Amino acid sequence: MAEAAIDFPRELDSVVEGLKQARHDWRARHARHTEQGIEFPSRRALARILRELGAALFPLRLGPPELTASNENAWVAATLESTLSQLGAQIGLELRIARAGIGSVEEGREAERIVGAFAASLPELRRALDADVEAGYANDPAARSVDEVLLSYPSIGAIIHHRIAHRLHQLGAPLTARVIAEVAHGESGIDIHPGARIGRSFFIGHGTGIVIGETAVIGDRVRVHQGVTLGGEPIAAGTAQDGVAGVRRHPDIGDDVVIFAGAVLLGPITVGRRSRIGGNVWLRQDVPPDSFVETNGTRIGVAGDVQVANP
């Protein structure tokens, strides 16, 4: 039996009109989105900017092959001049969205302030990343050199992205920072909100499936393995925007804590320093310092299955 012919021109006219009405209804509920449209920070542009920033931070490892110790400084200067200007343009787009009616002069000054403060923090950021790379080498028996860690570990790429994103988040560019975080998430499978505060010498083992929420705080020398979640308390459907600003919702992890693969830590709990959280633990309670948390192998997450004991 032959299929009925479809009159595409007429059908498409109806579809296009329906989509127009859907857009109109959306914009009526969200006044920022005018019928003239808004240009948002570009994920593609920020991915390119991140590659250039990474190369400027580690020029002889992530920069072009023709670089040498004698010409790297000039190359870094030229790269930063171009890349920071591009970053400022992306931040300007965010400011236009976040501050309706902002003038071009004010927008330019604020973007310049953010980029200037970010640029000034790059030496400190490089030193923090050096400590992260060294932690990767010191804590992974499979690593043969710090160069191997920097060049081949997706976790290090995610940490580089996070430290850049976190600084921009602090300085007043949260949307740009979030897009940067999602670039890292897409490349590595590691999802770290740019608001999360992470201390020095952070080590991620493997990394796939790690989730670290916005208000999480992680101390120094913490080690986290694949599949770990530092998440928020479950909430009622549709209430995500009800009074969450400034509220701590995620775990606080003390110095020298180790969290093994598959552990899920939820809510504003505190894990004391030097504690060990076993694999596949479901944890929603505070943990004293120097503790070991494990499951007994049955029905993980049910009251009584999680044991917290001093070693």
Protein backbone atom coordinates (compact mmCIF):
# COMPACT_ATOMS: atom_id res chain seq x y z
CA MET A 1 0.00 0.00 0.00
CA ALA A 2 1.50 3.35 -1.04
CA GLU A 3 2.15 5.87 1.71
CA ALA A 4 0.15 9.09 1.58
CA ALA A 5 2.06 11.98 0.11
CA ILE A 6 2.96 14.76 2.52
CA ASP A 7 2.66 18.37 1.46
CA PHE A 8 5.96 19.52 3.00
CA PRO A 9 5.67 23.22 2.19
CA ARG A 10 2.28 23.46 3.90
CA GLU A 11 3.30 21.19 6.79
CA LEU A 12 6.54 23.10 7.36
CA ASP A 13 4.71 26.42 7.41
CA SER A 14 2.63 25.07 10.29
CA VAL A 15 5.72 23.73 12.10
CA VAL A 16 7.61 27.02 11.71
CA GLU A 17 4.65 28.99 13.05
CA GLY A 18 4.32 26.58 15.98
CA LEU A 19 8.02 26.99 16.82
CA LYS A 20 7.69 30.77 16.60
CA GLN A 21 4.83 30.70 19.09
CA ALA A 22 6.80 28.42 21.43
CA ARG A 23 9.73 30.85 21.36
CA HIS A 24 7.41 33.79 21.97
CA ASP A 25 5.83 32.04 24.97
CA TRP A 26 9.26 31.21 26.42
CA ARG A 27 10.54 34.76 26.04
CA ALA A 28 7.39 36.14 27.61
CA ARG A 29 8.21 34.10 30.74
CA HIS A 30 11.93 34.97 30.64
CA ALA A 31 12.14 38.67 29.91
CA ARG A 32 15.91 38.73 29.30
CA HIS A 33 15.46 36.81 26.05
CA THR A 34 14.12 39.42 23.67
CA GLU A 35 12.88 38.72 20.18
CA GLN A 36 16.12 40.22 18.90
CA GLY A 37 18.13 37.38 20.43
CA ILE A 38 21.22 37.34 22.64
CA GLU A 39 24.73 36.16 21.84
CA PHE A 40 26.03 33.84 24.55
CA PRO A 41 29.61 32.88 25.42
CA SER A 42 30.75 30.31 22.85
CA ARG A 43 31.73 26.83 23.97
CA ARG A 44 33.86 26.42 20.85
CA ALA A 45 35.66 29.72 21.43
CA LEU A 46 36.27 28.94 25.09
CA ALA A 47 37.63 25.48 24.24
CA ARG A 48 40.15 27.17 21.95
CA ILE A 49 40.98 29.77 24.62
CA LEU A 50 41.55 26.99 27.15
CA ARG A 51 44.00 25.22 24.85
CA GLU A 52 45.96 28.43 24.47
CA LEU A 53 45.91 29.16 28.21
CA GLY A 54 47.12 25.64 28.94
CA ALA A 55 49.97 26.13 26.49
CA ALA A 56 50.86 29.48 28.06
CA LEU A 57 50.95 27.85 31.49
CA PHE A 58 53.09 24.91 30.30
CA PRO A 59 54.74 26.19 27.11
CA LEU A 60 57.46 23.55 26.65
CA ARG A 61 54.98 20.71 27.21
CA LEU A 62 51.66 21.93 25.81
CA GLY A 63 52.93 24.61 23.41
CA PRO A 64 54.13 24.26 19.79
CA PRO A 65 57.11 21.97 19.11
CA GLU A 66 59.39 24.77 17.88
CA LEU A 67 59.48 26.40 21.33
CA THR A 68 62.72 26.38 23.30
CA ALA A 69 63.74 27.77 26.67
CA SER A 70 65.24 30.77 24.87
CA ASN A 71 62.07 31.89 23.07
CA GLU A 72 59.28 30.62 25.31
CA ASN A 73 58.90 33.87 27.25
CA ALA A 74 58.24 35.91 24.09
CA TRP A 75 55.79 33.28 22.87
CA VAL A 76 53.94 33.25 26.20
CA ALA A 77 53.64 37.05 26.12
CA ALA A 78 52.24 37.05 22.58
CA THR A 79 49.88 34.16 23.32
CA LEU A 80 48.50 35.74 26.47
CA GLU A 81 47.97 39.10 24.79
CA SER A 82 45.77 37.48 22.15
CA THR A 83 44.08 34.86 24.33
CA LEU A 84 43.20 37.18 27.22
CA SER A 85 41.64 39.60 24.74
CA GLN A 86 39.48 36.77 23.38
CA LEU A 87 38.55 35.75 26.92
CA GLY A 88 37.53 39.33 27.68
CA ALA A 89 35.19 39.30 24.67
CA GLN A 90 33.49 36.13 25.94
CA ILE A 91 33.12 37.61 29.44
CA GLY A 92 31.65 40.76 27.88
CA LEU A 93 28.90 38.62 26.33
CA GLU A 94 28.11 37.20 29.75
CA LEU A 95 27.97 40.63 31.34
CA ARG A 96 25.52 41.76 28.65
CA ILE A 97 23.20 38.91 29.65
CA ALA A 98 23.63 39.15 33.42
CA ARG A 99 23.32 42.93 33.63
CA ALA A 100 20.48 43.97 31.37
CA GLY A 101 20.99 47.48 30.06
CA ILE A 102 24.72 47.65 30.83
CA GLY A 103 26.46 50.22 28.65
CA SER A 104 29.32 49.27 26.37
CA VAL A 105 31.81 51.37 28.34
CA GLU A 106 30.84 49.81 31.66
CA GLU A 107 30.82 46.36 30.10
CA GLY A 108 34.33 46.89 28.74
CA ARG A 109 35.66 48.14 32.07
CA GLU A 110 34.18 45.24 34.02
CA ALA A 111 35.45 42.66 31.53
CA GLU A 112 38.88 44.32 31.68
CA ARG A 113 38.83 44.18 35.48
CA ILE A 114 37.99 40.46 35.52
CA VAL A 115 40.56 39.56 32.88
CA GLY A 116 43.22 41.69 34.54
CA ALA A 117 42.70 40.04 37.92
CA PHE A 118 42.64 36.62 36.26
CA ALA A 119 45.90 37.33 34.41
CA ALA A 120 47.56 38.48 37.63
CA SER A 121 46.67 35.16 39.26
CA LEU A 122 48.24 32.98 36.53
CA PRO A 123 51.65 32.54 38.27
CA GLU A 124 49.87 31.36 41.43
CA LEU A 125 47.65 29.10 39.33
CA ARG A 126 50.71 27.58 37.63
CA ARG A 127 52.24 26.77 41.02
CA ALA A 128 49.00 25.16 42.20
CA LEU A 129 48.91 23.03 39.04
CA ASP A 130 52.55 22.02 39.54
CA ALA A 131 51.53 20.63 42.93
CA ASP A 132 48.61 18.74 41.33
CA VAL A 133 50.90 17.20 38.70
CA GLU A 134 53.40 16.22 41.39
CA ALA A 135 50.57 14.64 43.41
CA GLY A 136 49.59 12.59 40.36
CA TYR A 137 53.14 11.32 39.99
CA ALA A 138 53.58 10.64 43.72
CA ASN A 139 50.29 8.75 44.08
CA ASP A 140 50.15 6.63 40.92
CA PRO A 141 52.63 3.73 40.70
CA ALA A 142 51.92 3.52 36.95
CA ALA A 143 53.30 7.02 36.33
CA ARG A 144 56.85 7.12 34.97
CA SER A 145 57.40 10.88 35.05
CA VAL A 146 55.69 14.16 35.83
CA ASP A 147 55.66 14.85 32.09
CA GLU A 148 53.62 11.68 31.52
CA VAL A 149 51.10 12.85 34.10
CA LEU A 150 50.78 16.31 32.55
CA LEU A 151 50.61 15.13 28.95
CA SER A 152 48.42 12.04 29.19
CA TYR A 153 46.25 12.06 32.31
CA PRO A 154 42.70 13.31 31.58
CA SER A 155 42.34 14.09 35.28
CA ILE A 156 45.08 16.71 35.02
CA GLY A 157 43.31 18.32 32.09
CA ALA A 158 40.13 18.48 34.16
CA ILE A 159 42.01 20.03 37.10
CA ILE A 160 43.62 22.65 34.83
CA HIS A 161 40.18 23.55 33.50
CA HIS A 162 38.74 23.66 37.01
CA ARG A 163 41.37 25.95 38.48
CA ILE A 164 40.90 28.36 35.57
CA ALA A 165 37.10 28.14 35.84
CA HIS A 166 37.11 28.55 39.63
CA ARG A 167 39.16 31.73 39.41
CA LEU A 168 36.78 33.22 36.84
CA HIS A 169 33.82 32.14 38.98
CA GLN A 170 35.34 33.99 41.94
CA LEU A 171 35.93 37.12 39.85
CA GLY A 172 32.35 37.43 38.62
CA ALA A 173 32.08 35.41 35.40
CA PRO A 174 30.08 32.33 36.54
CA LEU A 175 28.52 31.53 33.15
CA THR A 176 31.87 31.60 31.35
CA ALA A 177 33.28 29.45 34.15
CA ARG A 178 30.44 26.95 33.85
CA VAL A 179 30.94 26.58 30.11
CA ILE A 180 34.66 25.94 30.75
CA ALA A 181 33.71 23.26 33.30
CA GLU A 182 31.46 21.59 30.74
CA VAL A 183 34.27 21.59 28.17
CA ALA A 184 36.34 19.62 30.69
CA HIS A 185 33.37 17.37 31.51
CA GLY A 186 32.89 16.52 27.85
CA GLU A 187 36.57 15.76 27.33
CA SER A 188 37.28 13.80 30.51
CA GLY A 189 34.00 12.55 32.00
CA ILE A 190 34.91 14.49 35.18
CA ASP A 191 32.20 16.95 36.29
CA ILE A 192 33.47 19.63 38.69
CA HIS A 193 31.32 22.69 39.29
CA PRO A 194 33.47 25.85 39.07
CA GLY A 195 32.21 26.98 42.47
CA ALA A 196 33.82 24.00 44.24
CA ARG A 197 36.86 24.93 46.34
CA ILE A 198 39.76 22.51 45.97
CA GLY A 199 42.98 22.67 47.96
CA ARG A 200 46.54 21.98 46.88
CA SER A 201 48.03 18.71 45.62
CA PHE A 202 44.69 17.30 44.46
CA PHE A 203 44.89 13.80 42.98
CA ILE A 204 42.23 12.18 40.82
CA GLY A 205 42.73 8.48 40.14
CA HIS A 206 41.45 7.62 36.62
CA GLY A 207 38.52 10.02 37.03
CA THR A 208 35.65 8.84 34.84
CA GLY A 209 32.28 9.53 36.45
CA ILE A 210 33.48 11.86 39.19
CA VAL A 211 30.96 14.55 40.21
CA ILE A 212 31.87 17.42 42.56
CA GLY A 213 29.09 19.89 43.39
CA GLU A 214 29.05 23.67 43.60
CA THR A 215 29.51 24.17 47.35
CA ALA A 216 31.89 21.27 47.95
CA VAL A 217 35.08 22.12 49.81
CA ILE A 218 38.12 19.85 49.42
CA GLY A 219 41.24 20.22 51.55
CA ASP A 220 44.90 19.71 50.71
CA ARG A 221 46.40 16.42 49.50
CA VAL A 222 42.99 14.78 48.97
CA ARG A 223 42.81 11.69 46.72
CA VAL A 224 39.60 10.86 44.86
CA HIS A 225 39.05 7.84 42.60
CA GLN A 226 36.72 7.14 39.70
CA GLY A 227 32.96 7.17 40.12
CA VAL A 228 32.97 9.31 43.29
CA THR A 229 30.10 11.76 43.86
CA LEU A 230 30.26 14.73 46.22
CA GLY A 231 26.63 15.68 45.75
CA GLY A 232 23.85 17.70 47.29
CA GLU A 233 20.91 16.56 49.37
CA PRO A 234 17.95 15.31 47.34
CA ILE A 235 15.33 18.03 46.87
CA ALA A 236 11.65 18.10 46.02
CA ALA A 237 10.90 18.37 42.31
CA GLY A 238 10.82 21.94 41.02
CA THR A 239 12.35 23.54 44.14
CA ALA A 240 15.95 23.94 42.96
CA GLN A 241 15.77 27.76 42.94
CA ASP A 242 14.05 28.18 46.32
CA GLY A 243 16.47 29.99 48.60
CA VAL A 244 19.65 28.14 47.62
CA ALA A 245 21.95 31.17 47.30
CA GLY A 246 24.72 31.00 49.86
CA VAL A 247 23.50 27.70 51.33
CA ARG A 248 26.03 24.94 51.79
CA ARG A 249 24.68 21.83 50.07
CA HIS A 250 27.72 19.60 49.46
CA PRO A 251 30.39 17.78 51.50
CA ASP A 252 33.39 19.37 53.18
CA ILE A 253 36.40 17.06 52.83
CA GLY A 254 39.33 17.51 55.21
CA ASP A 255 43.04 17.38 54.42
CA ASP A 256 44.65 14.05 53.45
CA VAL A 257 41.34 12.22 52.95
CA VAL A 258 41.15 9.31 50.48
CA ILE A 259 37.82 8.48 48.78
CA PHE A 260 37.80 5.18 46.91
CA ALA A 261 35.95 4.28 43.72
CA GLY A 262 32.18 4.54 43.57
CA ALA A 263 31.62 6.26 46.91
CA VAL A 264 28.65 8.64 47.10
CA LEU A 265 28.77 11.40 49.72
CA LEU A 266 25.64 13.56 49.90
CA GLY A 267 24.70 16.77 51.62
CA PRO A 268 26.56 19.26 53.84
CA ILE A 269 28.46 16.58 55.74
CA THR A 270 32.01 16.92 57.03
CA VAL A 271 34.66 14.25 56.54
CA GLY A 272 37.47 14.71 59.05
CA ARG A 273 41.08 14.86 57.96
CA ARG A 274 43.07 11.71 57.26
CA SER A 275 39.90 9.59 56.96
CA ARG A 276 39.38 6.85 54.37
CA ILE A 277 36.05 6.36 52.62
CA GLY A 278 35.72 2.85 51.18
CA GLY A 279 34.52 1.97 47.70
CA ASN A 280 30.78 2.07 46.96
CA VAL A 281 29.92 3.63 50.31
CA TRP A 282 26.69 5.70 50.45
CA LEU A 283 27.38 8.33 53.12
CA ARG A 284 25.10 11.02 54.56
CA GLN A 285 26.64 11.55 58.01
CA ASP A 286 29.69 13.33 59.41
CA VAL A 287 32.89 11.35 59.78
CA PRO A 288 35.39 12.08 62.58
CA PRO A 289 39.07 12.60 61.75
CA ASP A 290 41.25 9.49 61.33
CA SER A 291 38.27 7.22 60.58
CA PHE A 292 37.72 4.43 58.09
CA VAL A 293 34.25 4.13 56.56
CA GLU A 294 33.24 0.90 54.86
CA THR A 295 30.15 -1.17 54.07
CA ASN A 296 29.49 -4.70 55.17
CA GLY A 297 28.72 -5.75 51.61
CA THR A 298 24.92 -5.83 51.95
CA ARG A 299 22.28 -3.29 50.93
CA ILE A 300 24.55 -0.26 50.72
CA GLY A 301 22.96 2.92 52.08
CA VAL A 302 20.48 1.28 54.47
CA ALA A 303 20.80 2.41 58.09
CA GLY A 304 23.20 0.18 59.97
CA ASP A 305 25.18 -0.94 56.93
CA VAL A 306 27.75 1.84 57.10
CA GLN A 307 30.40 1.32 59.74
CA VAL A 308 32.48 4.23 61.02
CA ALA A 309 35.35 3.11 63.20
CA ASN A 310 38.70 4.43 64.32
CA PRO A 311 41.48 2.40 62.67
